[in-house]
N, C-alpha and C. Protein backbone atom coordinates (compact mmCIF):
# COMPACT_ATOMS: atom_id res chain seq x y z
N UNK A 1 0.84 -1.17 0.00
CA UNK A 1 0.00 0.00 0.00
C UNK A 1 0.89 1.23 0.00
N UNK A 2 0.64 2.21 -0.87
CA UNK A 2 1.46 3.42 -0.88
C UNK A 2 1.32 4.18 0.43
N UNK A 3 2.39 4.81 0.84
CA UNK A 3 2.39 5.53 2.11
C UNK A 3 1.31 6.61 2.17
N UNK A 4 1.04 7.27 1.05
CA UNK A 4 0.05 8.35 1.04
C UNK A 4 -1.35 7.83 1.30
N UNK A 5 -1.60 6.53 1.15
CA UNK A 5 -2.94 6.00 1.32
C UNK A 5 -3.06 5.12 2.57
N UNK A 6 -2.04 5.07 3.40
CA UNK A 6 -2.12 4.25 4.60
C UNK A 6 -2.97 4.95 5.66
N UNK A 7 -3.47 4.18 6.61
CA UNK A 7 -4.33 4.74 7.66
C UNK A 7 -3.59 5.79 8.49
N UNK A 8 -2.27 5.70 8.58
CA UNK A 8 -1.50 6.63 9.38
C UNK A 8 -0.79 7.67 8.52
N UNK A 9 -1.38 7.97 7.39
CA UNK A 9 -0.73 8.86 6.44
C UNK A 9 -0.62 10.31 6.94
N UNK A 10 0.30 11.03 6.34
CA UNK A 10 0.45 12.45 6.58
C UNK A 10 -0.22 13.17 5.42
N UNK A 11 -1.03 14.19 5.69
CA UNK A 11 -1.70 14.89 4.60
C UNK A 11 -0.71 15.48 3.62
N UNK A 12 -1.00 15.29 2.33
CA UNK A 12 -0.18 15.92 1.29
C UNK A 12 -0.74 17.29 0.94
N UNK A 13 -2.05 17.37 0.79
CA UNK A 13 -2.71 18.65 0.54
C UNK A 13 -4.19 18.47 0.79
N UNK A 14 -4.86 19.55 1.00
CA UNK A 14 -6.29 19.50 1.29
C UNK A 14 -7.08 19.28 0.00
N UNK A 15 -8.28 18.76 0.14
CA UNK A 15 -9.21 18.67 -0.97
C UNK A 15 -9.59 20.10 -1.33
N UNK A 16 -9.56 20.43 -2.59
CA UNK A 16 -9.81 21.81 -3.00
C UNK A 16 -11.25 22.22 -2.75
N UNK A 17 -11.44 23.51 -2.56
CA UNK A 17 -12.79 24.05 -2.40
C UNK A 17 -13.62 23.77 -3.64
N UNK A 18 -12.99 23.78 -4.80
CA UNK A 18 -13.71 23.50 -6.05
C UNK A 18 -14.23 22.06 -6.06
N UNK A 19 -13.43 21.12 -5.54
CA UNK A 19 -13.88 19.72 -5.49
C UNK A 19 -15.08 19.59 -4.55
N UNK A 20 -15.01 20.25 -3.39
CA UNK A 20 -16.15 20.24 -2.46
C UNK A 20 -17.38 20.87 -3.10
N UNK A 21 -17.19 21.97 -3.81
CA UNK A 21 -18.32 22.69 -4.43
C UNK A 21 -18.98 21.88 -5.54
N UNK A 22 -18.24 20.97 -6.18
CA UNK A 22 -18.82 20.13 -7.25
C UNK A 22 -19.78 19.08 -6.72
N UNK A 23 -19.68 18.75 -5.45
CA UNK A 23 -20.48 17.65 -4.90
C UNK A 23 -21.96 18.02 -4.87
N UNK A 24 -22.77 17.15 -5.47
CA UNK A 24 -24.23 17.31 -5.49
C UNK A 24 -24.93 16.19 -4.72
N UNK A 25 -24.19 15.09 -4.46
CA UNK A 25 -24.75 13.94 -3.76
C UNK A 25 -23.76 13.49 -2.68
N UNK A 26 -24.25 13.41 -1.45
CA UNK A 26 -23.48 12.80 -0.36
C UNK A 26 -24.17 11.49 -0.04
N UNK A 27 -23.50 10.39 -0.31
CA UNK A 27 -24.03 9.05 -0.01
C UNK A 27 -23.24 8.49 1.16
N UNK A 28 -23.97 7.86 2.08
CA UNK A 28 -23.37 7.39 3.33
C UNK A 28 -23.77 5.95 3.62
N UNK A 29 -22.82 5.15 4.05
CA UNK A 29 -23.14 3.88 4.68
C UNK A 29 -23.81 4.25 6.01
N UNK A 30 -24.54 3.33 6.61
CA UNK A 30 -25.22 3.64 7.86
C UNK A 30 -24.42 3.13 9.06
N UNK A 31 -24.34 1.81 9.23
CA UNK A 31 -23.67 1.23 10.40
C UNK A 31 -22.16 1.44 10.30
N UNK A 32 -21.60 2.12 11.28
CA UNK A 32 -20.17 2.40 11.28
C UNK A 32 -19.83 3.75 10.68
N UNK A 33 -20.84 4.48 10.19
CA UNK A 33 -20.65 5.83 9.67
C UNK A 33 -21.60 6.78 10.39
N UNK A 34 -22.90 6.54 10.24
CA UNK A 34 -23.90 7.33 10.95
C UNK A 34 -24.09 6.83 12.39
N UNK A 35 -23.60 5.64 12.65
CA UNK A 35 -23.60 5.07 14.00
C UNK A 35 -22.18 4.64 14.33
N UNK A 36 -21.97 4.19 15.55
CA UNK A 36 -20.64 3.70 15.91
C UNK A 36 -20.43 2.26 15.46
N UNK A 37 -21.40 1.71 14.76
CA UNK A 37 -21.29 0.35 14.26
C UNK A 37 -21.96 -0.68 15.14
N UNK A 38 -22.47 -0.25 16.29
CA UNK A 38 -23.13 -1.16 17.20
C UNK A 38 -24.60 -1.28 16.84
N UNK A 39 -25.10 -2.51 16.80
CA UNK A 39 -26.53 -2.76 16.62
C UNK A 39 -26.97 -3.54 17.85
N UNK A 40 -27.92 -3.01 18.58
CA UNK A 40 -28.44 -3.68 19.77
C UNK A 40 -29.69 -4.44 19.37
N UNK A 41 -29.71 -5.74 19.61
CA UNK A 41 -30.87 -6.56 19.29
C UNK A 41 -31.35 -7.20 20.58
N UNK A 42 -32.59 -6.88 20.93
CA UNK A 42 -33.19 -7.39 22.18
C UNK A 42 -33.72 -8.80 21.94
N UNK A 43 -34.04 -9.50 23.02
CA UNK A 43 -34.53 -10.87 22.92
C UNK A 43 -35.85 -10.98 22.16
N UNK A 44 -36.61 -9.88 22.08
CA UNK A 44 -37.85 -9.90 21.31
C UNK A 44 -37.63 -9.57 19.84
N UNK A 45 -36.36 -9.38 19.45
CA UNK A 45 -36.02 -9.13 18.06
C UNK A 45 -35.96 -7.67 17.67
N UNK A 46 -36.33 -6.77 18.57
CA UNK A 46 -36.25 -5.35 18.24
C UNK A 46 -34.79 -4.91 18.25
N UNK A 47 -34.51 -3.95 17.40
CA UNK A 47 -33.14 -3.43 17.35
C UNK A 47 -33.14 -1.95 17.66
N UNK A 48 -31.99 -1.48 18.08
CA UNK A 48 -31.82 -0.04 18.29
C UNK A 48 -30.41 0.33 17.87
N UNK A 49 -30.28 1.59 17.48
CA UNK A 49 -28.98 2.15 17.09
C UNK A 49 -28.92 3.56 17.65
N UNK A 50 -27.72 4.05 17.86
CA UNK A 50 -27.52 5.42 18.31
C UNK A 50 -27.08 6.27 17.12
N UNK A 51 -27.85 7.32 16.82
CA UNK A 51 -27.51 8.27 15.76
C UNK A 51 -27.17 9.61 16.40
N UNK A 52 -26.21 10.31 15.85
CA UNK A 52 -25.76 11.59 16.38
C UNK A 52 -26.67 12.73 15.93
N UNK A 53 -27.07 13.55 16.89
CA UNK A 53 -27.83 14.76 16.58
C UNK A 53 -26.96 15.72 15.78
N UNK A 54 -25.65 15.75 16.05
CA UNK A 54 -24.74 16.60 15.29
C UNK A 54 -24.79 16.25 13.80
N UNK A 55 -24.70 14.95 13.51
CA UNK A 55 -24.76 14.50 12.11
C UNK A 55 -26.12 14.86 11.51
N UNK A 56 -27.19 14.64 12.28
CA UNK A 56 -28.53 14.92 11.78
C UNK A 56 -28.71 16.37 11.37
N UNK A 57 -28.25 17.30 12.19
CA UNK A 57 -28.37 18.72 11.85
C UNK A 57 -27.55 19.04 10.61
N UNK A 58 -26.37 18.46 10.50
CA UNK A 58 -25.56 18.67 9.29
C UNK A 58 -26.29 18.21 8.04
N UNK A 59 -26.94 17.05 8.11
CA UNK A 59 -27.68 16.52 6.96
C UNK A 59 -28.89 17.39 6.62
N UNK A 60 -29.58 17.91 7.63
CA UNK A 60 -30.70 18.82 7.39
C UNK A 60 -30.19 20.08 6.69
N UNK A 61 -29.08 20.61 7.15
CA UNK A 61 -28.51 21.82 6.52
C UNK A 61 -28.09 21.54 5.08
N UNK A 62 -27.53 20.36 4.83
CA UNK A 62 -27.17 20.01 3.45
C UNK A 62 -28.39 20.00 2.55
N UNK A 63 -29.47 19.39 3.03
CA UNK A 63 -30.72 19.35 2.26
C UNK A 63 -31.17 20.77 1.92
N UNK A 64 -31.14 21.65 2.90
CA UNK A 64 -31.53 23.05 2.67
C UNK A 64 -30.63 23.74 1.65
N UNK A 65 -29.37 23.32 1.59
CA UNK A 65 -28.41 23.91 0.65
C UNK A 65 -28.50 23.28 -0.74
N UNK A 66 -29.37 22.28 -0.90
CA UNK A 66 -29.56 21.67 -2.22
C UNK A 66 -28.70 20.47 -2.51
N UNK A 67 -28.00 19.95 -1.51
CA UNK A 67 -27.19 18.74 -1.70
C UNK A 67 -28.09 17.53 -1.43
N UNK A 68 -28.08 16.58 -2.34
CA UNK A 68 -28.88 15.36 -2.20
C UNK A 68 -28.15 14.43 -1.23
N UNK A 69 -28.91 13.80 -0.35
CA UNK A 69 -28.33 12.86 0.61
C UNK A 69 -28.94 11.48 0.39
N UNK A 70 -28.09 10.47 0.42
CA UNK A 70 -28.55 9.08 0.29
C UNK A 70 -27.85 8.24 1.34
N UNK A 71 -28.57 7.25 1.83
CA UNK A 71 -27.98 6.24 2.72
C UNK A 71 -28.00 4.93 1.97
N UNK A 72 -26.86 4.25 1.94
CA UNK A 72 -26.73 2.95 1.28
C UNK A 72 -26.24 1.96 2.32
N UNK A 73 -27.12 1.03 2.69
CA UNK A 73 -26.80 0.10 3.77
C UNK A 73 -26.84 -1.34 3.28
N UNK A 74 -25.95 -2.14 3.79
CA UNK A 74 -25.92 -3.55 3.43
C UNK A 74 -27.01 -4.37 4.09
N UNK A 75 -27.66 -3.81 5.10
CA UNK A 75 -28.70 -4.56 5.80
C UNK A 75 -29.93 -3.69 6.03
N UNK A 76 -31.11 -4.29 5.87
CA UNK A 76 -32.34 -3.57 6.19
C UNK A 76 -32.43 -3.31 7.69
N UNK A 77 -33.02 -2.18 8.07
CA UNK A 77 -33.10 -1.83 9.48
C UNK A 77 -34.27 -0.89 9.72
N UNK A 78 -35.14 -1.29 10.62
CA UNK A 78 -36.24 -0.41 11.01
C UNK A 78 -35.74 0.86 11.65
N UNK A 79 -34.70 0.77 12.47
CA UNK A 79 -34.14 1.95 13.12
C UNK A 79 -33.60 2.94 12.08
N UNK A 80 -32.94 2.42 11.05
CA UNK A 80 -32.42 3.30 9.99
C UNK A 80 -33.56 3.96 9.23
N UNK A 81 -34.62 3.20 8.94
CA UNK A 81 -35.76 3.76 8.21
C UNK A 81 -36.44 4.87 9.01
N UNK A 82 -36.57 4.67 10.32
CA UNK A 82 -37.19 5.70 11.16
C UNK A 82 -36.34 6.96 11.17
N UNK A 83 -35.03 6.81 11.38
CA UNK A 83 -34.15 7.99 11.41
C UNK A 83 -34.11 8.67 10.05
N UNK A 84 -34.07 7.92 8.97
CA UNK A 84 -34.07 8.52 7.63
C UNK A 84 -35.35 9.31 7.40
N UNK A 85 -36.47 8.79 7.85
CA UNK A 85 -37.75 9.49 7.69
C UNK A 85 -37.74 10.79 8.52
N UNK A 86 -37.22 10.73 9.74
CA UNK A 86 -37.13 11.93 10.58
C UNK A 86 -36.34 13.03 9.89
N UNK A 87 -35.26 12.64 9.24
CA UNK A 87 -34.37 13.61 8.59
C UNK A 87 -34.78 13.92 7.15
N UNK A 88 -35.82 13.25 6.66
CA UNK A 88 -36.30 13.43 5.29
C UNK A 88 -35.21 13.11 4.26
N UNK A 89 -34.50 11.99 4.51
CA UNK A 89 -33.47 11.52 3.58
C UNK A 89 -34.20 10.98 2.34
N UNK A 90 -33.97 11.55 1.17
CA UNK A 90 -34.75 11.17 0.00
C UNK A 90 -34.42 9.80 -0.59
N UNK A 91 -33.22 9.32 -0.33
CA UNK A 91 -32.80 8.05 -0.92
C UNK A 91 -32.24 7.13 0.16
N UNK A 92 -33.01 6.10 0.52
CA UNK A 92 -32.55 5.09 1.47
C UNK A 92 -32.52 3.76 0.72
N UNK A 93 -31.32 3.26 0.52
CA UNK A 93 -31.12 2.01 -0.22
C UNK A 93 -30.62 0.99 0.79
N UNK A 94 -31.40 -0.07 0.99
CA UNK A 94 -31.06 -1.07 2.00
C UNK A 94 -30.87 -2.44 1.35
N UNK A 95 -30.09 -3.28 2.03
CA UNK A 95 -29.87 -4.64 1.57
C UNK A 95 -28.96 -4.73 0.36
N UNK A 96 -28.13 -3.72 0.14
CA UNK A 96 -27.20 -3.70 -0.99
C UNK A 96 -25.77 -3.77 -0.47
N UNK A 97 -25.12 -4.91 -0.68
CA UNK A 97 -23.73 -5.03 -0.24
C UNK A 97 -22.75 -4.61 -1.33
N UNK A 98 -23.23 -4.50 -2.57
CA UNK A 98 -22.39 -3.95 -3.64
C UNK A 98 -22.63 -2.44 -3.65
N UNK A 99 -21.92 -1.76 -2.77
CA UNK A 99 -22.12 -0.33 -2.59
C UNK A 99 -21.76 0.46 -3.84
N UNK A 100 -20.73 0.01 -4.56
CA UNK A 100 -20.35 0.71 -5.78
C UNK A 100 -21.48 0.67 -6.80
N UNK A 101 -22.06 -0.49 -7.04
CA UNK A 101 -23.16 -0.59 -8.00
C UNK A 101 -24.34 0.26 -7.56
N UNK A 102 -24.67 0.23 -6.26
CA UNK A 102 -25.79 1.03 -5.76
C UNK A 102 -25.52 2.52 -5.96
N UNK A 103 -24.31 2.96 -5.65
CA UNK A 103 -23.95 4.36 -5.81
C UNK A 103 -23.97 4.77 -7.28
N UNK A 104 -23.40 3.95 -8.15
CA UNK A 104 -23.37 4.28 -9.57
C UNK A 104 -24.78 4.32 -10.16
N UNK A 105 -25.65 3.39 -9.74
CA UNK A 105 -27.04 3.39 -10.22
C UNK A 105 -27.76 4.66 -9.78
N UNK A 106 -27.57 5.05 -8.53
CA UNK A 106 -28.22 6.26 -8.03
C UNK A 106 -27.68 7.49 -8.75
N UNK A 107 -26.37 7.57 -8.91
CA UNK A 107 -25.77 8.71 -9.61
C UNK A 107 -26.31 8.81 -11.04
N UNK A 108 -26.40 7.68 -11.73
CA UNK A 108 -26.91 7.69 -13.10
C UNK A 108 -28.38 8.15 -13.12
N UNK A 109 -29.17 7.66 -12.18
CA UNK A 109 -30.58 8.06 -12.12
C UNK A 109 -30.73 9.56 -11.85
N UNK A 110 -29.79 10.13 -11.13
CA UNK A 110 -29.82 11.56 -10.81
C UNK A 110 -29.08 12.41 -11.85
N UNK A 111 -28.46 11.75 -12.84
CA UNK A 111 -27.70 12.46 -13.87
C UNK A 111 -26.41 13.07 -13.36
N UNK A 112 -25.76 12.39 -12.42
CA UNK A 112 -24.53 12.90 -11.82
C UNK A 112 -23.32 12.07 -12.23
N UNK A 113 -22.17 12.71 -12.27
CA UNK A 113 -20.91 12.05 -12.53
C UNK A 113 -20.26 11.67 -11.20
N UNK A 114 -19.22 10.87 -11.27
CA UNK A 114 -18.49 10.50 -10.06
C UNK A 114 -17.95 11.74 -9.35
N UNK A 115 -17.48 12.73 -10.12
CA UNK A 115 -16.91 13.95 -9.53
C UNK A 115 -17.94 14.74 -8.74
N UNK A 116 -19.22 14.49 -8.97
CA UNK A 116 -20.28 15.21 -8.26
C UNK A 116 -20.79 14.43 -7.04
N UNK A 117 -20.16 13.30 -6.76
CA UNK A 117 -20.59 12.44 -5.66
C UNK A 117 -19.50 12.34 -4.60
N UNK A 118 -19.94 12.31 -3.35
CA UNK A 118 -19.06 11.98 -2.23
C UNK A 118 -19.67 10.75 -1.57
N UNK A 119 -18.82 9.86 -1.11
CA UNK A 119 -19.30 8.64 -0.46
C UNK A 119 -18.46 8.39 0.78
N UNK A 120 -19.15 8.03 1.90
CA UNK A 120 -18.46 7.70 3.14
C UNK A 120 -18.86 6.31 3.59
N UNK A 121 -17.87 5.46 3.80
CA UNK A 121 -18.10 4.10 4.29
C UNK A 121 -16.94 3.67 5.16
N UNK A 122 -17.15 2.55 5.88
CA UNK A 122 -16.15 2.15 6.86
C UNK A 122 -15.59 0.75 6.68
N UNK A 123 -16.05 0.01 5.66
CA UNK A 123 -15.66 -1.40 5.58
C UNK A 123 -15.18 -1.76 4.18
N UNK A 124 -14.72 -3.01 4.05
CA UNK A 124 -14.20 -3.49 2.77
C UNK A 124 -15.21 -3.33 1.64
N UNK A 125 -16.49 -3.59 1.93
CA UNK A 125 -17.50 -3.50 0.87
C UNK A 125 -17.78 -2.06 0.45
N UNK A 126 -17.31 -1.11 1.22
CA UNK A 126 -17.46 0.31 0.88
C UNK A 126 -16.29 0.83 0.04
N UNK A 127 -15.15 0.19 0.13
CA UNK A 127 -13.93 0.72 -0.48
C UNK A 127 -14.07 1.03 -1.98
N UNK A 128 -14.69 0.16 -2.79
CA UNK A 128 -14.82 0.52 -4.21
C UNK A 128 -15.65 1.80 -4.44
N UNK A 129 -16.71 1.99 -3.66
CA UNK A 129 -17.52 3.20 -3.78
C UNK A 129 -16.74 4.43 -3.30
N UNK A 130 -15.97 4.28 -2.24
CA UNK A 130 -15.14 5.37 -1.74
C UNK A 130 -14.15 5.79 -2.82
N UNK A 131 -13.52 4.81 -3.45
CA UNK A 131 -12.52 5.10 -4.49
C UNK A 131 -13.15 5.71 -5.73
N UNK A 132 -14.37 5.31 -6.07
CA UNK A 132 -15.05 5.80 -7.29
C UNK A 132 -15.51 7.24 -7.14
N UNK A 133 -15.97 7.61 -5.98
CA UNK A 133 -16.56 8.93 -5.76
C UNK A 133 -15.54 10.04 -5.96
N UNK A 134 -16.04 11.21 -6.35
CA UNK A 134 -15.19 12.38 -6.50
C UNK A 134 -14.46 12.72 -5.22
N UNK A 135 -15.15 12.57 -4.09
CA UNK A 135 -14.52 12.68 -2.78
C UNK A 135 -14.90 11.44 -1.99
N UNK A 136 -13.91 10.64 -1.65
CA UNK A 136 -14.11 9.42 -0.88
C UNK A 136 -13.76 9.67 0.57
N UNK A 137 -14.58 9.13 1.46
CA UNK A 137 -14.46 9.42 2.88
C UNK A 137 -14.57 8.14 3.70
N UNK A 138 -13.88 8.11 4.83
CA UNK A 138 -13.97 6.98 5.77
C UNK A 138 -13.75 7.50 7.17
N UNK A 139 -14.52 7.01 8.14
CA UNK A 139 -14.28 7.42 9.53
C UNK A 139 -12.98 6.81 10.05
N UNK A 140 -12.42 7.44 11.04
CA UNK A 140 -11.11 7.02 11.57
C UNK A 140 -11.09 5.56 12.01
N UNK A 141 -12.19 5.03 12.49
CA UNK A 141 -12.23 3.64 12.93
C UNK A 141 -12.53 2.65 11.83
N UNK A 142 -12.51 3.10 10.58
CA UNK A 142 -12.81 2.23 9.45
C UNK A 142 -11.77 1.14 9.25
N UNK A 143 -12.15 0.15 8.45
CA UNK A 143 -11.24 -0.94 8.12
C UNK A 143 -10.16 -0.44 7.16
N UNK A 144 -9.00 -1.10 7.11
CA UNK A 144 -7.89 -0.63 6.29
C UNK A 144 -8.24 -0.36 4.83
N UNK A 145 -9.05 -1.20 4.20
CA UNK A 145 -9.38 -0.97 2.79
C UNK A 145 -10.16 0.32 2.60
N UNK A 146 -11.08 0.62 3.51
CA UNK A 146 -11.85 1.87 3.43
C UNK A 146 -10.93 3.07 3.66
N UNK A 147 -10.08 2.98 4.66
CA UNK A 147 -9.16 4.08 4.94
C UNK A 147 -8.19 4.32 3.79
N UNK A 148 -7.73 3.25 3.17
CA UNK A 148 -6.79 3.38 2.06
C UNK A 148 -7.43 4.04 0.85
N UNK A 149 -8.72 3.82 0.65
CA UNK A 149 -9.42 4.39 -0.50
C UNK A 149 -9.84 5.84 -0.27
N UNK A 150 -9.86 6.29 0.97
CA UNK A 150 -10.42 7.60 1.33
C UNK A 150 -9.50 8.76 0.99
N UNK A 151 -10.14 9.85 0.56
CA UNK A 151 -9.45 11.12 0.36
C UNK A 151 -9.38 11.90 1.66
N UNK A 152 -10.34 11.62 2.57
CA UNK A 152 -10.40 12.36 3.82
C UNK A 152 -10.91 11.46 4.92
N UNK A 153 -10.30 11.58 6.08
CA UNK A 153 -10.71 10.87 7.28
C UNK A 153 -11.04 11.94 8.32
N UNK A 154 -12.33 12.16 8.61
CA UNK A 154 -12.69 13.20 9.59
C UNK A 154 -12.05 12.93 10.95
N UNK A 155 -11.85 13.98 11.71
CA UNK A 155 -11.25 13.85 13.03
C UNK A 155 -12.19 13.29 14.08
N UNK A 156 -13.49 13.50 13.90
CA UNK A 156 -14.47 12.99 14.86
C UNK A 156 -14.82 11.55 14.51
N UNK A 157 -15.17 10.73 15.49
CA UNK A 157 -15.48 9.33 15.22
C UNK A 157 -16.86 9.12 14.58
N UNK A 158 -17.02 7.96 13.98
CA UNK A 158 -18.30 7.56 13.40
C UNK A 158 -19.38 7.59 14.46
N UNK A 159 -20.55 8.09 14.08
CA UNK A 159 -21.66 8.16 15.02
C UNK A 159 -21.55 9.27 16.04
N UNK A 160 -20.47 10.03 15.98
CA UNK A 160 -20.24 11.12 16.93
C UNK A 160 -19.72 12.38 16.25
N UNK A 161 -20.23 12.64 15.06
CA UNK A 161 -19.88 13.89 14.39
C UNK A 161 -19.00 13.78 13.16
N UNK A 162 -18.58 12.59 12.77
CA UNK A 162 -17.76 12.45 11.56
C UNK A 162 -18.52 12.95 10.33
N UNK A 163 -19.79 12.59 10.24
CA UNK A 163 -20.61 13.03 9.11
C UNK A 163 -20.80 14.54 9.15
N UNK A 164 -20.97 15.10 10.34
CA UNK A 164 -21.14 16.55 10.48
C UNK A 164 -19.92 17.28 9.93
N UNK A 165 -18.72 16.76 10.17
CA UNK A 165 -17.51 17.39 9.62
C UNK A 165 -17.58 17.45 8.11
N UNK A 166 -18.03 16.37 7.50
CA UNK A 166 -18.15 16.33 6.04
C UNK A 166 -19.20 17.35 5.59
N UNK A 167 -20.34 17.38 6.27
CA UNK A 167 -21.39 18.35 5.95
C UNK A 167 -20.84 19.78 6.03
N UNK A 168 -20.06 20.06 7.07
CA UNK A 168 -19.50 21.40 7.23
C UNK A 168 -18.56 21.76 6.09
N UNK A 169 -17.78 20.81 5.61
CA UNK A 169 -16.91 21.07 4.44
C UNK A 169 -17.76 21.39 3.22
N UNK A 170 -18.80 20.59 3.00
CA UNK A 170 -19.67 20.82 1.84
C UNK A 170 -20.38 22.16 1.93
N UNK A 171 -20.85 22.51 3.10
CA UNK A 171 -21.54 23.78 3.27
C UNK A 171 -20.58 24.96 3.15
N UNK A 172 -19.37 24.83 3.66
CA UNK A 172 -18.38 25.90 3.57
C UNK A 172 -18.04 26.21 2.11
N UNK A 173 -18.03 25.19 1.27
CA UNK A 173 -17.71 25.38 -0.15
C UNK A 173 -18.84 26.12 -0.88
N UNK A 174 -20.03 26.15 -0.29
CA UNK A 174 -21.18 26.81 -0.91
C UNK A 174 -21.49 28.17 -0.30
N UNK A 175 -20.92 28.44 0.86
CA UNK A 175 -21.25 29.67 1.59
C UNK A 175 -20.36 30.82 1.14
N UNK A 176 -20.87 32.04 1.31
CA UNK A 176 -20.01 33.19 1.08
C UNK A 176 -18.80 33.11 2.01
N UNK A 177 -17.67 33.53 1.54
CA UNK A 177 -16.44 33.44 2.33
C UNK A 177 -16.52 34.33 3.55
N UNK A 178 -16.32 33.75 4.74
CA UNK A 178 -16.39 34.48 5.99
C UNK A 178 -15.05 34.53 6.70
N UNK A 179 -14.07 33.83 6.17
CA UNK A 179 -12.78 33.79 6.83
C UNK A 179 -12.65 32.67 7.84
N UNK A 180 -13.74 31.91 8.08
CA UNK A 180 -13.69 30.79 9.01
C UNK A 180 -13.53 29.50 8.23
N UNK A 181 -12.36 28.88 8.30
CA UNK A 181 -12.16 27.62 7.55
C UNK A 181 -12.92 26.47 8.20
N UNK A 182 -13.24 25.43 7.40
CA UNK A 182 -13.88 24.25 7.99
C UNK A 182 -12.91 23.55 8.93
N UNK A 183 -13.41 22.65 9.78
CA UNK A 183 -12.53 21.95 10.71
C UNK A 183 -11.46 21.16 9.98
N UNK A 184 -10.31 21.01 10.63
CA UNK A 184 -9.20 20.27 10.03
C UNK A 184 -9.45 18.78 10.13
N UNK A 185 -9.02 18.06 9.09
CA UNK A 185 -9.11 16.60 9.07
C UNK A 185 -7.92 16.09 8.28
N UNK A 186 -7.65 14.83 8.40
CA UNK A 186 -6.56 14.22 7.64
C UNK A 186 -7.00 14.03 6.19
N UNK A 187 -6.15 14.40 5.24
CA UNK A 187 -6.49 14.23 3.82
C UNK A 187 -5.36 13.54 3.09
N UNK A 188 -5.68 12.97 1.94
CA UNK A 188 -4.62 12.40 1.11
C UNK A 188 -4.31 13.32 -0.06
N UNK A 189 -5.14 14.34 -0.28
CA UNK A 189 -4.89 15.29 -1.35
C UNK A 189 -5.75 15.04 -2.57
N UNK A 190 -6.11 16.08 -3.20
CA UNK A 190 -6.90 16.07 -4.45
C UNK A 190 -6.53 17.23 -5.26
């Protein structure tokens, strides 16, 4: 693995504001990105997950700014459907372990190119989608393949604001310049 793409890499340069501004679709894995990866299943079969309010507000702000948000999950989940409905996520794709195919199909349906898409995932099955997207993202606790494919690894952990950091970058690229830079994160350069 090249040193620039290792999990412990040193940033070469930041992702350009122009690259952030091109993004029209932010697609996210659910478990391990919007949550810490824990799924609680009770003896009666009910499940629960913890979602960050910080991430939720970032996603609401993205929607208001005209950025399309999609969740692509390898497993169906009632908890994910409820949270997606609360946040008015327009595209919830469940039961798809080929994340690249799901992302490419959605992008094509929306008339978007790879350069207009950002994708964040944490596992091996996410790595091809991370690599394909114009901006590929992985939380710090992601698996090596996801981290190696990522252009940016947010400083906050999955389920605790990592998605919000990405939202803030996307919003900063669309906002009038105020002199306040987005939060710092590790990048591989673009």
